[in-house]
Amino acid sequence: MSNGTVKAILRSLLFSYIITGILLLILSFALYKLHLKSAQVAAAVNIIYGAACFFGGLLAGKTKGQRRFFWGFLAGLAYFLVLFAMSVVLDKGIIADTRQILTVLGICGIAGTIGGMAS
C-alpha cells in the first residue's frame, strides 16, 4: 500500500472513532435519562458501529476516488479490527461469542461498503 492509501484509511479511522465517541456520549446520556434496557443499548451500540463505519467509508471513498466500495469496505474492516483488538487487550481474551463477533464484522463491512459507494 502506498503512503496515500495508509493516510486515507487512518484518516477515515480517526473520523469513525470521533463519531463513535460522540454517539456513545449521546447514548450514555439517553441511558441515564431514559433507563434503557440492555437489549436497547446493545441495538444502539450496533447502530453506532454501523453509522461510524458508514461515515468512515464515505470519507475513504471520497479520498481515494476510484473503487470507492473497496476503500469503504477496507475502512469498515479496519474499524472492526481495531475494535476487536482493543476488546481482546482490555478484556484479556475473547469474551464475546462467535455470532456476536461475526455480526459486528458484518455491520462494519457492509456499512463501510455502503458509505464508500455513497461517496
PDB file of N, CA and C in Angstrom:
ATOM      1  N   MET A   1       0.839  -1.182   0.000  1.00  0.00           N
ATOM      2  CA  MET A   1       0.000   0.000   0.000  1.00  0.00           C
ATOM      3  C   MET A   1       0.880   1.239   0.000  1.00  0.00           C
ATOM      4  N   SER A   2       0.418   2.222  -0.739  1.00  0.00           N
ATOM      5  CA  SER A   2       1.181   3.468  -0.807  1.00  0.00           C
ATOM      6  C   SER A   2       0.916   4.313   0.439  1.00  0.00           C
ATOM      7  N   ASN A   3       1.735   5.314   0.597  1.00  0.00           N
ATOM      8  CA  ASN A   3       1.618   6.220   1.740  1.00  0.00           C
ATOM      9  C   ASN A   3       0.265   6.943   1.742  1.00  0.00           C
ATOM     10  N   GLY A   4      -0.239   7.316   0.555  1.00  0.00           N
ATOM     11  CA  GLY A   4      -1.530   7.991   0.452  1.00  0.00           C
ATOM     12  C   GLY A   4      -2.683   7.093   0.869  1.00  0.00           C
ATOM     13  N   THR A   5      -2.559   5.803   0.577  1.00  0.00           N
ATOM     14  CA  THR A   5      -3.599   4.848   0.959  1.00  0.00           C
ATOM     15  C   THR A   5      -3.656   4.688   2.469  1.00  0.00           C
ATOM     16  N   VAL A   6      -2.504   4.555   3.082  1.00  0.00           N
ATOM     17  CA  VAL A   6      -2.451   4.415   4.542  1.00  0.00           C
ATOM     18  C   VAL A   6      -3.018   5.660   5.208  1.00  0.00           C
ATOM     19  N   LYS A   7      -2.668   6.837   4.692  1.00  0.00           N
ATOM     20  CA  LYS A   7      -3.188   8.090   5.253  1.00  0.00           C
ATOM     21  C   LYS A   7      -4.709   8.155   5.118  1.00  0.00           C
ATOM     22  N   ALA A   8      -5.229   7.717   3.971  1.00  0.00           N
ATOM     23  CA  ALA A   8      -6.677   7.759   3.752  1.00  0.00           C
ATOM     24  C   ALA A   8      -7.404   6.845   4.733  1.00  0.00           C
ATOM     25  N   ILE A   9      -6.875   5.655   4.940  1.00  0.00           N
ATOM     26  CA  ILE A   9      -7.509   4.712   5.869  1.00  0.00           C
ATOM     27  C   ILE A   9      -7.391   5.214   7.305  1.00  0.00           C
ATOM     28  N   LEU A  10      -6.228   5.718   7.684  1.00  0.00           N
ATOM     29  CA  LEU A  10      -6.051   6.245   9.040  1.00  0.00           C
ATOM     30  C   LEU A  10      -6.948   7.454   9.291  1.00  0.00           C
ATOM     31  N   ARG A  11      -7.096   8.311   8.282  1.00  0.00           N
ATOM     32  CA  ARG A  11      -7.973   9.479   8.421  1.00  0.00           C
ATOM     33  C   ARG A  11      -9.420   9.037   8.601  1.00  0.00           C
ATOM     34  N   SER A  12      -9.846   8.062   7.809  1.00  0.00           N
ATOM     35  CA  SER A  12     -11.224   7.585   7.933  1.00  0.00           C
ATOM     36  C   SER A  12     -11.431   6.866   9.268  1.00  0.00           C
ATOM     37  N   LEU A  13     -10.413   6.172   9.747  1.00  0.00           N
ATOM     38  CA  LEU A  13     -10.498   5.513  11.051  1.00  0.00           C
ATOM     39  C   LEU A  13     -10.641   6.531  12.176  1.00  0.00           C
ATOM     40  N   LEU A  14      -9.822   7.566  12.133  1.00  0.00           N
ATOM     41  CA  LEU A  14      -9.903   8.621  13.145  1.00  0.00           C
ATOM     42  C   LEU A  14     -11.277   9.278  13.120  1.00  0.00           C
ATOM     43  N   PHE A  15     -11.765   9.586  11.938  1.00  0.00           N
ATOM     44  CA  PHE A  15     -13.089  10.187  11.778  1.00  0.00           C
ATOM     45  C   PHE A  15     -14.168   9.260  12.343  1.00  0.00           C
ATOM     46  N   SER A  16     -14.061   7.970  12.047  1.00  0.00           N
ATOM     47  CA  SER A  16     -15.039   6.995  12.542  1.00  0.00           C
ATOM     48  C   SER A  16     -15.045   6.926  14.066  1.00  0.00           C
ATOM     49  N   TYR A  17     -13.871   6.936  14.661  1.00  0.00           N
ATOM     50  CA  TYR A  17     -13.817   6.843  16.120  1.00  0.00           C
ATOM     51  C   TYR A  17     -14.249   8.140  16.800  1.00  0.00           C
ATOM     52  N   ILE A  18     -14.071   9.273  16.161  1.00  0.00           N
ATOM     53  CA  ILE A  18     -14.614  10.521  16.709  1.00  0.00           C
ATOM     54  C   ILE A  18     -16.139  10.472  16.693  1.00  0.00           C
ATOM     55  N   ILE A  19     -16.704   9.993  15.585  1.00  0.00           N
ATOM     56  CA  ILE A  19     -18.163   9.840  15.506  1.00  0.00           C
ATOM     57  C   ILE A  19     -18.650   8.847  16.559  1.00  0.00           C
ATOM     58  N   THR A  20     -17.922   7.750  16.722  1.00  0.00           N
ATOM     59  CA  THR A  20     -18.286   6.753  17.730  1.00  0.00           C
ATOM     60  C   THR A  20     -18.312   7.379  19.119  1.00  0.00           C
ATOM     61  N   GLY A  21     -17.295   8.149  19.448  1.00  0.00           N
ATOM     62  CA  GLY A  21     -17.232   8.779  20.764  1.00  0.00           C
ATOM     63  C   GLY A  21     -18.402   9.724  21.009  1.00  0.00           C
ATOM     64  N   ILE A  22     -18.727  10.519  20.022  1.00  0.00           N
ATOM     65  CA  ILE A  22     -19.841  11.462  20.155  1.00  0.00           C
ATOM     66  C   ILE A  22     -21.155  10.713  20.338  1.00  0.00           C
ATOM     67  N   LEU A  23     -21.375   9.698  19.497  1.00  0.00           N
ATOM     68  CA  LEU A  23     -22.632   8.943  19.580  1.00  0.00           C
ATOM     69  C   LEU A  23     -22.731   8.128  20.873  1.00  0.00           C
ATOM     70  N   LEU A  24     -21.610   7.623  21.366  1.00  0.00           N
ATOM     71  CA  LEU A  24     -21.645   6.897  22.638  1.00  0.00           C
ATOM     72  C   LEU A  24     -21.919   7.835  23.812  1.00  0.00           C
ATOM     73  N   LEU A  25     -21.443   9.074  23.731  1.00  0.00           N
ATOM     74  CA  LEU A  25     -21.780  10.057  24.762  1.00  0.00           C
ATOM     75  C   LEU A  25     -23.287  10.338  24.767  1.00  0.00           C
ATOM     76  N   ILE A  26     -23.863  10.480  23.581  1.00  0.00           N
ATOM     77  CA  ILE A  26     -25.311  10.690  23.474  1.00  0.00           C
ATOM     78  C   ILE A  26     -26.056   9.477  24.014  1.00  0.00           C
ATOM     79  N   LEU A  27     -25.585   8.278  23.687  1.00  0.00           N
ATOM     80  CA  LEU A  27     -26.219   7.057  24.194  1.00  0.00           C
ATOM     81  C   LEU A  27     -26.128   6.965  25.710  1.00  0.00           C
ATOM     82  N   SER A  28     -24.985   7.339  26.270  1.00  0.00           N
ATOM     83  CA  SER A  28     -24.850   7.273  27.726  1.00  0.00           C
ATOM     84  C   SER A  28     -25.792   8.261  28.408  1.00  0.00           C
ATOM     85  N   PHE A  29     -25.987   9.424  27.804  1.00  0.00           N
ATOM     86  CA  PHE A  29     -26.940  10.385  28.350  1.00  0.00           C
ATOM     87  C   PHE A  29     -28.362   9.822  28.262  1.00  0.00           C
ATOM     88  N   ALA A  30     -28.696   9.193  27.128  1.00  0.00           N
ATOM     89  CA  ALA A  30     -30.021   8.578  26.971  1.00  0.00           C
ATOM     90  C   ALA A  30     -30.212   7.447  27.963  1.00  0.00           C
ATOM     91  N   LEU A  31     -29.166   6.677  28.200  1.00  0.00           N
ATOM     92  CA  LEU A  31     -29.240   5.586  29.176  1.00  0.00           C
ATOM     93  C   LEU A  31     -29.502   6.140  30.572  1.00  0.00           C
ATOM     94  N   TYR A  32     -28.853   7.234  30.895  1.00  0.00           N
ATOM     95  CA  TYR A  32     -29.026   7.864  32.206  1.00  0.00           C
ATOM     96  C   TYR A  32     -30.446   8.422  32.374  1.00  0.00           C
ATOM     97  N   LYS A  33     -30.941   9.118  31.360  1.00  0.00           N
ATOM     98  CA  LYS A  33     -32.242   9.772  31.460  1.00  0.00           C
ATOM     99  C   LYS A  33     -33.419   8.831  31.232  1.00  0.00           C
ATOM    100  N   LEU A  34     -33.279   7.884  30.308  1.00  0.00           N
ATOM    101  CA  LEU A  34     -34.415   7.065  29.900  1.00  0.00           C
ATOM    102  C   LEU A  34     -34.416   5.665  30.500  1.00  0.00           C
ATOM    103  N   HIS A  35     -33.351   5.308  31.213  1.00  0.00           N
ATOM    104  CA  HIS A  35     -33.245   3.984  31.835  1.00  0.00           C
ATOM    105  C   HIS A  35     -33.506   2.873  30.814  1.00  0.00           C
ATOM    106  N   LEU A  36     -32.716   2.874  29.753  1.00  0.00           N
ATOM    107  CA  LEU A  36     -32.878   1.912  28.671  1.00  0.00           C
ATOM    108  C   LEU A  36     -32.539   0.495  29.142  1.00  0.00           C
ATOM    109  N   LYS A  37     -33.166  -0.479  28.492  1.00  0.00           N
ATOM    110  CA  LYS A  37     -32.891  -1.884  28.795  1.00  0.00           C
ATOM    111  C   LYS A  37     -31.624  -2.304  28.068  1.00  0.00           C
ATOM    112  N   SER A  38     -31.026  -3.395  28.515  1.00  0.00           N
ATOM    113  CA  SER A  38     -29.756  -3.828  27.925  1.00  0.00           C
ATOM    114  C   SER A  38     -29.909  -4.201  26.453  1.00  0.00           C
ATOM    115  N   ALA A  39     -31.042  -4.748  26.053  1.00  0.00           N
ATOM    116  CA  ALA A  39     -31.261  -5.081  24.638  1.00  0.00           C
ATOM    117  C   ALA A  39     -31.307  -3.811  23.791  1.00  0.00           C
ATOM    118  N   GLN A  40     -31.894  -2.753  24.319  1.00  0.00           N
ATOM    119  CA  GLN A  40     -31.949  -1.484  23.598  1.00  0.00           C
ATOM    120  C   GLN A  40     -30.555  -0.875  23.469  1.00  0.00           C
ATOM    121  N   VAL A  41     -29.776  -0.977  24.524  1.00  0.00           N
ATOM    122  CA  VAL A  41     -28.413  -0.443  24.491  1.00  0.00           C
ATOM    123  C   VAL A  41     -27.567  -1.236  23.494  1.00  0.00           C
ATOM    124  N   ALA A  42     -27.704  -2.555  23.491  1.00  0.00           N
ATOM    125  CA  ALA A  42     -26.942  -3.392  22.553  1.00  0.00           C
ATOM    126  C   ALA A  42     -27.308  -3.052  21.111  1.00  0.00           C
ATOM    127  N   ALA A  43     -28.580  -2.857  20.840  1.00  0.00           N
ATOM    128  CA  ALA A  43     -29.015  -2.485  19.491  1.00  0.00           C
ATOM    129  C   ALA A  43     -28.475  -1.111  19.118  1.00  0.00           C
ATOM    130  N   ALA A  44     -28.500  -0.181  20.058  1.00  0.00           N
ATOM    131  CA  ALA A  44     -27.985   1.170  19.792  1.00  0.00           C
ATOM    132  C   ALA A  44     -26.485   1.149  19.513  1.00  0.00           C
ATOM    133  N   VAL A  45     -25.751   0.311  20.228  1.00  0.00           N
ATOM    134  CA  VAL A  45     -24.306   0.210  20.000  1.00  0.00           C
ATOM    135  C   VAL A  45     -24.039  -0.333  18.596  1.00  0.00           C
ATOM    136  N   ASN A  46     -24.806  -1.321  18.162  1.00  0.00           N
ATOM    137  CA  ASN A  46     -24.647  -1.842  16.799  1.00  0.00           C
ATOM    138  C   ASN A  46     -24.974  -0.774  15.756  1.00  0.00           C
ATOM    139  N   ILE A  47     -25.993   0.034  16.023  1.00  0.00           N
ATOM    140  CA  ILE A  47     -26.335   1.139  15.119  1.00  0.00           C
ATOM    141  C   ILE A  47     -25.202   2.160  15.081  1.00  0.00           C
ATOM    142  N   ILE A  48     -24.604   2.424  16.214  1.00  0.00           N
ATOM    143  CA  ILE A  48     -23.468   3.351  16.278  1.00  0.00           C
ATOM    144  C   ILE A  48     -22.295   2.810  15.477  1.00  0.00           C
ATOM    145  N   TYR A  49     -22.001   1.520  15.602  1.00  0.00           N
ATOM    146  CA  TYR A  49     -20.942   0.911  14.791  1.00  0.00           C
ATOM    147  C   TYR A  49     -21.230   1.104  13.305  1.00  0.00           C
ATOM    148  N   GLY A  50     -22.471   0.854  12.923  1.00  0.00           N
ATOM    149  CA  GLY A  50     -22.852   0.998  11.519  1.00  0.00           C
ATOM    150  C   GLY A  50     -22.710   2.428  11.030  1.00  0.00           C
ATOM    151  N   ALA A  51     -23.180   3.383  11.830  1.00  0.00           N
ATOM    152  CA  ALA A  51     -23.092   4.792  11.437  1.00  0.00           C
ATOM    153  C   ALA A  51     -21.635   5.233  11.319  1.00  0.00           C
ATOM    154  N   ALA A  52     -20.813   4.838  12.280  1.00  0.00           N
ATOM    155  CA  ALA A  52     -19.403   5.227  12.249  1.00  0.00           C
ATOM    156  C   ALA A  52     -18.694   4.636  11.030  1.00  0.00           C
ATOM    157  N   CYS A  53     -18.974   3.378  10.723  1.00  0.00           N
ATOM    158  CA  CYS A  53     -18.346   2.738   9.558  1.00  0.00           C
ATOM    159  C   CYS A  53     -18.872   3.327   8.257  1.00  0.00           C
ATOM    160  N   PHE A  54     -20.153   3.693   8.224  1.00  0.00           N
ATOM    161  CA  PHE A  54     -20.708   4.332   7.033  1.00  0.00           C
ATOM    162  C   PHE A  54     -19.963   5.629   6.743  1.00  0.00           C
ATOM    163  N   PHE A  55     -19.827   6.477   7.744  1.00  0.00           N
ATOM    164  CA  PHE A  55     -19.166   7.759   7.525  1.00  0.00           C
ATOM    165  C   PHE A  55     -17.665   7.597   7.278  1.00  0.00           C
ATOM    166  N   GLY A  56     -17.050   6.597   7.913  1.00  0.00           N
ATOM    167  CA  GLY A  56     -15.649   6.310   7.616  1.00  0.00           C
ATOM    168  C   GLY A  56     -15.473   5.831   6.182  1.00  0.00           C
ATOM    169  N   GLY A  57     -16.378   4.968   5.719  1.00  0.00           N
ATOM    170  CA  GLY A  57     -16.346   4.506   4.332  1.00  0.00           C
ATOM    171  C   GLY A  57     -16.607   5.632   3.356  1.00  0.00           C
ATOM    172  N   LEU A  58     -17.501   6.533   3.732  1.00  0.00           N
ATOM    173  CA  LEU A  58     -17.785   7.699   2.904  1.00  0.00           C
ATOM    174  C   LEU A  58     -16.526   8.546   2.724  1.00  0.00           C
ATOM    175  N   LEU A  59     -15.827   8.797   3.812  1.00  0.00           N
ATOM    176  CA  LEU A  59     -14.596   9.585   3.744  1.00  0.00           C
ATOM    177  C   LEU A  59     -13.517   8.858   2.957  1.00  0.00           C
ATOM    178  N   ALA A  60     -13.368   7.560   3.188  1.00  0.00           N
ATOM    179  CA  ALA A  60     -12.346   6.793   2.461  1.00  0.00           C
ATOM    180  C   ALA A  60     -12.653   6.777   0.967  1.00  0.00           C
ATOM    181  N   GLY A  61     -13.915   6.602   0.610  1.00  0.00           N
ATOM    182  CA  GLY A  61     -14.304   6.594  -0.796  1.00  0.00           C
ATOM    183  C   GLY A  61     -14.075   7.930  -1.468  1.00  0.00           C
ATOM    184  N   LYS A  62     -14.397   9.009  -0.763  1.00  0.00           N
ATOM    185  CA  LYS A  62     -14.172  10.343  -1.324  1.00  0.00           C
ATOM    186  C   LYS A  62     -12.680  10.621  -1.492  1.00  0.00           C
ATOM    187  N   THR A  63     -11.896  10.176  -0.525  1.00  0.00           N
ATOM    188  CA  THR A  63     -10.458  10.427  -0.572  1.00  0.00           C
ATOM    189  C   THR A  63      -9.799   9.677  -1.722  1.00  0.00           C
ATOM    190  N   LYS A  64     -10.146   8.412  -1.901  1.00  0.00           N
ATOM    191  CA  LYS A  64      -9.491   7.592  -2.918  1.00  0.00           C
ATOM    192  C   LYS A  64     -10.066   7.808  -4.314  1.00  0.00           C
ATOM    193  N   GLY A  65     -11.360   8.052  -4.434  1.00  0.00           N
ATOM    194  CA  GLY A  65     -11.955   8.376  -5.725  1.00  0.00           C
ATOM    195  C   GLY A  65     -12.310   7.179  -6.595  1.00  0.00           C
ATOM    196  N   GLN A  66     -11.432   6.217  -6.741  1.00  0.00           N
ATOM    197  CA  GLN A  66     -11.707   5.037  -7.554  1.00  0.00           C
ATOM    198  C   GLN A  66     -11.889   3.834  -6.642  1.00  0.00           C
ATOM    199  N   ARG A  67     -12.694   2.859  -7.113  1.00  0.00           N
ATOM    200  CA  ARG A  67     -13.001   1.647  -6.341  1.00  0.00           C
ATOM    201  C   ARG A  67     -13.465   2.013  -4.929  1.00  0.00           C
ATOM    202  N   ARG A  68     -14.387   2.964  -4.879  1.00  0.00           N
ATOM    203  CA  ARG A  68     -14.841   3.520  -3.603  1.00  0.00           C
ATOM    204  C   ARG A  68     -15.447   2.459  -2.697  1.00  0.00           C
ATOM    205  N   PHE A  69     -16.184   1.495  -3.266  1.00  0.00           N
ATOM    206  CA  PHE A  69     -16.780   0.455  -2.435  1.00  0.00           C
ATOM    207  C   PHE A  69     -15.699  -0.354  -1.718  1.00  0.00           C
ATOM    208  N   PHE A  70     -14.595  -0.620  -2.420  1.00  0.00           N
ATOM    209  CA  PHE A  70     -13.492  -1.372  -1.817  1.00  0.00           C
ATOM    210  C   PHE A  70     -12.864  -0.595  -0.670  1.00  0.00           C
ATOM    211  N   TRP A  71     -12.617   0.702  -0.877  1.00  0.00           N
ATOM    212  CA  TRP A  71     -11.997   1.511   0.169  1.00  0.00           C
ATOM    213  C   TRP A  71     -12.949   1.697   1.342  1.00  0.00           C
ATOM    214  N   GLY A  72     -14.247   1.773   1.059  1.00  0.00           N
ATOM    215  CA  GLY A  72     -15.225   1.823   2.143  1.00  0.00           C
ATOM    216  C   GLY A  72     -15.221   0.538   2.953  1.00  0.00           C
ATOM    217  N   PHE A  73     -15.168  -0.596   2.244  1.00  0.00           N
ATOM    218  CA  PHE A  73     -15.103  -1.882   2.942  1.00  0.00           C
ATOM    219  C   PHE A  73     -13.830  -1.980   3.769  1.00  0.00           C
ATOM    220  N   LEU A  74     -12.710  -1.538   3.205  1.00  0.00           N
ATOM    221  CA  LEU A  74     -11.438  -1.582   3.917  1.00  0.00           C
ATOM    222  C   LEU A  74     -11.476  -0.699   5.168  1.00  0.00           C
ATOM    223  N   ALA A  75     -12.129   0.453   5.070  1.00  0.00           N
ATOM    224  CA  ALA A  75     -12.265   1.334   6.243  1.00  0.00           C
ATOM    225  C   ALA A  75     -13.117   0.657   7.315  1.00  0.00           C
ATOM    226  N   GLY A  76     -14.219   0.004   6.918  1.00  0.00           N
ATOM    227  CA  GLY A  76     -15.055  -0.716   7.871  1.00  0.00           C
ATOM    228  C   GLY A  76     -14.320  -1.882   8.506  1.00  0.00           C
ATOM    229  N   LEU A  77     -13.536  -2.595   7.713  1.00  0.00           N
ATOM    230  CA  LEU A  77     -12.760  -3.718   8.226  1.00  0.00           C
ATOM    231  C   LEU A  77     -11.691  -3.234   9.201  1.00  0.00           C
ATOM    232  N   ALA A  78     -11.029  -2.130   8.871  1.00  0.00           N
ATOM    233  CA  ALA A  78     -10.009  -1.568   9.765  1.00  0.00           C
ATOM    234  C   ALA A  78     -10.644  -1.141  11.089  1.00  0.00           C
ATOM    235  N   TYR A  79     -11.832  -0.541  11.011  1.00  0.00           N
ATOM    236  CA  TYR A  79     -12.563  -0.143  12.225  1.00  0.00           C
ATOM    237  C   TYR A  79     -12.828  -1.370  13.093  1.00  0.00           C
ATOM    238  N   PHE A  80     -13.328  -2.439  12.469  1.00  0.00           N
ATOM    239  CA  PHE A  80     -13.616  -3.668  13.214  1.00  0.00           C
ATOM    240  C   PHE A  80     -12.345  -4.242  13.826  1.00  0.00           C
ATOM    241  N   LEU A  81     -11.260  -4.292  13.073  1.00  0.00           N
ATOM    242  CA  LEU A  81     -10.026  -4.901  13.582  1.00  0.00           C
ATOM    243  C   LEU A  81      -9.464  -4.138  14.775  1.00  0.00           C
ATOM    244  N   VAL A  82      -9.521  -2.817  14.727  1.00  0.00           N
ATOM    245  CA  VAL A  82      -9.061  -2.020  15.874  1.00  0.00           C
ATOM    246  C   VAL A  82      -9.989  -2.254  17.067  1.00  0.00           C
ATOM    247  N   LEU A  83     -11.293  -2.261  16.824  1.00  0.00           N
ATOM    248  CA  LEU A  83     -12.268  -2.501  17.883  1.00  0.00           C
ATOM    249  C   LEU A  83     -12.064  -3.873  18.507  1.00  0.00           C
ATOM    250  N   PHE A  84     -11.875  -4.881  17.673  1.00  0.00           N
ATOM    251  CA  PHE A  84     -11.679  -6.248  18.148  1.00  0.00           C
ATOM    252  C   PHE A  84     -10.373  -6.378  18.939  1.00  0.00           C
ATOM    253  N   ALA A  85      -9.302  -5.785  18.404  1.00  0.00           N
ATOM    254  CA  ALA A  85      -8.007  -5.853  19.084  1.00  0.00           C
ATOM    255  C   ALA A  85      -8.070  -5.179  20.456  1.00  0.00           C
ATOM    256  N   MET A  86      -8.724  -4.025  20.517  1.00  0.00           N
ATOM    257  CA  MET A  86      -8.835  -3.332  21.802  1.00  0.00           C
ATOM    258  C   MET A  86      -9.689  -4.130  22.790  1.00  0.00           C
ATOM    259  N   SER A  87     -10.727  -4.778  22.297  1.00  0.00           N
ATOM    260  CA  SER A  87     -11.564  -5.603  23.169  1.00  0.00           C
ATOM    261  C   SER A  87     -10.772  -6.774  23.735  1.00  0.00           C
ATOM    262  N   VAL A  88      -9.971  -7.412  22.898  1.00  0.00           N
ATOM    263  CA  VAL A  88      -9.164  -8.546  23.349  1.00  0.00           C
ATOM    264  C   VAL A  88      -8.136  -8.087  24.372  1.00  0.00           C
ATOM    265  N   VAL A  89      -7.492  -6.952  24.120  1.00  0.00           N
ATOM    266  CA  VAL A  89      -6.464  -6.456  25.042  1.00  0.00           C
ATOM    267  C   VAL A  89      -7.089  -6.032  26.369  1.00  0.00           C
ATOM    268  N   LEU A  90      -8.181  -5.279  26.320  1.00  0.00           N
ATOM    269  CA  LEU A  90      -8.781  -4.770  27.553  1.00  0.00           C
ATOM    270  C   LEU A  90      -9.495  -5.847  28.363  1.00  0.00           C
ATOM    271  N   ASP A  91     -10.073  -6.840  27.671  1.00  0.00           N
ATOM    272  CA  ASP A  91     -10.769  -7.922  28.371  1.00  0.00           C
ATOM    273  C   ASP A  91      -9.851  -9.095  28.677  1.00  0.00           C
ATOM    274  N   LYS A  92      -8.592  -8.997  28.270  1.00  0.00           N
ATOM    275  CA  LYS A  92      -7.602 -10.060  28.477  1.00  0.00           C
ATOM    276  C   LYS A  92      -8.073 -11.378  27.880  1.00  0.00           C
ATOM    277  N   GLY A  93      -8.569 -11.329  26.666  1.00  0.00           N
ATOM    278  CA  GLY A  93      -9.041 -12.514  25.961  1.00  0.00           C
ATOM    279  C   GLY A  93     -10.343 -12.215  25.237  1.00  0.00           C
ATOM    280  N   ILE A  94     -10.820 -13.207  24.502  1.00  0.00           N
ATOM    281  CA  ILE A  94     -12.060 -13.050  23.748  1.00  0.00           C
ATOM    282  C   ILE A  94     -13.215 -13.491  24.630  1.00  0.00           C
ATOM    283  N   ILE A  95     -14.100 -12.541  24.948  1.00  0.00           N
ATOM    284  CA  ILE A  95     -15.248 -12.847  25.805  1.00  0.00           C
ATOM    285  C   ILE A  95     -16.507 -13.058  24.980  1.00  0.00           C
ATOM    286  N   ALA A  96     -16.669 -12.296  23.910  1.00  0.00           N
ATOM    287  CA  ALA A  96     -17.886 -12.356  23.097  1.00  0.00           C
ATOM    288  C   ALA A  96     -17.982 -13.686  22.356  1.00  0.00           C
ATOM    289  N   ASP A  97     -19.215 -14.093  22.059  1.00  0.00           N
ATOM    290  CA  ASP A  97     -19.398 -15.320  21.291  1.00  0.00           C
ATOM    291  C   ASP A  97     -19.163 -15.053  19.805  1.00  0.00           C
ATOM    292  N   THR A  98     -18.968 -16.122  19.062  1.00  0.00           N
ATOM    293  CA  THR A  98     -18.635 -16.008  17.645  1.00  0.00           C
ATOM    294  C   THR A  98     -19.726 -15.295  16.858  1.00  0.00           C
ATOM    295  N   ARG A  99     -20.984 -15.566  17.194  1.00  0.00           N
ATOM    296  CA  ARG A  99     -22.097 -14.930  16.482  1.00  0.00           C
ATOM    297  C   ARG A  99     -22.054 -13.416  16.640  1.00  0.00           C
ATOM    298  N   GLN A 100     -21.784 -12.948  17.846  1.00  0.00           N
ATOM    299  CA  GLN A 100     -21.716 -11.513  18.093  1.00  0.00           C
ATOM    300  C   GLN A 100     -20.533 -10.889  17.339  1.00  0.00           C
ATOM    301  N   ILE A 101     -19.408 -11.560  17.326  1.00  0.00           N
ATOM    302  CA  ILE A 101     -18.235 -11.053  16.620  1.00  0.00           C
ATOM    303  C   ILE A 101     -18.519 -10.959  15.124  1.00  0.00           C
ATOM    304  N   LEU A 102     -19.117 -12.008  14.557  1.00  0.00           N
ATOM    305  CA  LEU A 102     -19.424 -12.001  13.127  1.00  0.00           C
ATOM    306  C   LEU A 102     -20.492 -10.970  12.776  1.00  0.00           C
ATOM    307  N   THR A 103     -21.435 -10.744  13.696  1.00  0.00           N
ATOM    308  CA  THR A 103     -22.454  -9.721  13.467  1.00  0.00           C
ATOM    309  C   THR A 103     -21.816  -8.342  13.366  1.00  0.00           C
ATOM    310  N   VAL A 104     -20.934  -8.026  14.297  1.00  0.00           N
ATOM    311  CA  VAL A 104     -20.268  -6.719  14.280  1.00  0.00           C
ATOM    312  C   VAL A 104     -19.367  -6.603  13.050  1.00  0.00           C
ATOM    313  N   LEU A 105     -18.677  -7.675  12.681  1.00  0.00           N
ATOM    314  CA  LEU A 105     -17.857  -7.662  11.473  1.00  0.00           C
ATOM    315  C   LEU A 105     -18.716  -7.384  10.242  1.00  0.00           C
ATOM    316  N   GLY A 106     -19.859  -8.028  10.171  1.00  0.00           N
ATOM    317  CA  GLY A 106     -20.765  -7.796   9.046  1.00  0.00           C
ATOM    318  C   GLY A 106     -21.293  -6.376   9.011  1.00  0.00           C
ATOM    319  N   ILE A 107     -21.686  -5.863  10.164  1.00  0.00           N
ATOM    320  CA  ILE A 107     -22.178  -4.485  10.238  1.00  0.00           C
ATOM    321  C   ILE A 107     -21.101  -3.512   9.764  1.00  0.00           C
ATOM    322  N   CYS A 108     -19.890  -3.686  10.257  1.00  0.00           N
ATOM    323  CA  CYS A 108     -18.796  -2.773   9.899  1.00  0.00           C
ATOM    324  C   CYS A 108     -18.455  -2.871   8.415  1.00  0.00           C
ATOM    325  N   GLY A 109     -18.354  -4.079   7.901  1.00  0.00           N
ATOM    326  CA  GLY A 109     -18.003  -4.258   6.496  1.00  0.00           C
ATOM    327  C   GLY A 109     -19.066  -3.732   5.551  1.00  0.00           C
ATOM    328  N   ILE A 110     -20.314  -4.065   5.826  1.00  0.00           N
ATOM    329  CA  ILE A 110     -21.408  -3.636   4.950  1.00  0.00           C
ATOM    330  C   ILE A 110     -21.622  -2.121   5.029  1.00  0.00           C
ATOM    331  N   ALA A 111     -21.607  -1.583   6.243  1.00  0.00           N
ATOM    332  CA  ALA A 111     -21.805  -0.134   6.388  1.00  0.00           C
ATOM    333  C   ALA A 111     -20.674   0.644   5.733  1.00  0.00           C
ATOM    334  N   GLY A 112     -19.433   0.168   5.881  1.00  0.00           N
ATOM    335  CA  GLY A 112     -18.313   0.835   5.226  1.00  0.00           C
ATOM    336  C   GLY A 112     -18.434   0.774   3.708  1.00  0.00           C
ATOM    337  N   THR A 113     -18.851  -0.384   3.192  1.00  0.00           N
ATOM    338  CA  THR A 113     -19.033  -0.530   1.747  1.00  0.00           C
ATOM    339  C   THR A 113     -20.109   0.398   1.228  1.00  0.00           C
ATOM    340  N   ILE A 114     -21.227   0.468   1.938  1.00  0.00           N
ATOM    341  CA  ILE A 114     -22.325   1.363   1.525  1.00  0.00           C
ATOM    342  C   ILE A 114     -21.856   2.823   1.577  1.00  0.00           C
ATOM    343  N   GLY A 115     -21.106   3.166   2.615  1.00  0.00           N
ATOM    344  CA  GLY A 115     -20.560   4.521   2.702  1.00  0.00           C
ATOM    345  C   GLY A 115     -19.623   4.827   1.545  1.00  0.00           C
ATOM    346  N   GLY A 116     -18.788   3.873   1.195  1.00  0.00           N
ATOM    347  CA  GLY A 116     -17.888   4.061   0.068  1.00  0.00           C
ATOM    348  C   GLY A 116     -18.642   4.229  -1.233  1.00  0.00           C
ATOM    349  N   MET A 117     -19.705   3.452  -1.441  1.00  0.00           N
ATOM    350  CA  MET A 117     -20.485   3.567  -2.656  1.00  0.00           C
ATOM    351  C   MET A 117     -21.270   4.871  -2.701  1.00  0.00           C
ATOM    352  N   ALA A 118     -21.640   5.400  -1.539  1.00  0.00           N
ATOM    353  CA  ALA A 118     -22.409   6.644  -1.492  1.00  0.00           C
ATOM    354  C   ALA A 118     -21.530   7.882  -1.718  1.00  0.00           C
ATOM    355  N   SER A 119     -20.217   7.688  -1.618  1.00  0.00           N
ATOM    356  CA  SER A 119     -19.327   8.849  -1.748  1.00  0.00           C
ATOM    357  C   SER A 119     -19.239   9.360  -3.181  1.00  0.00           C
TER     358      SER A 119
END
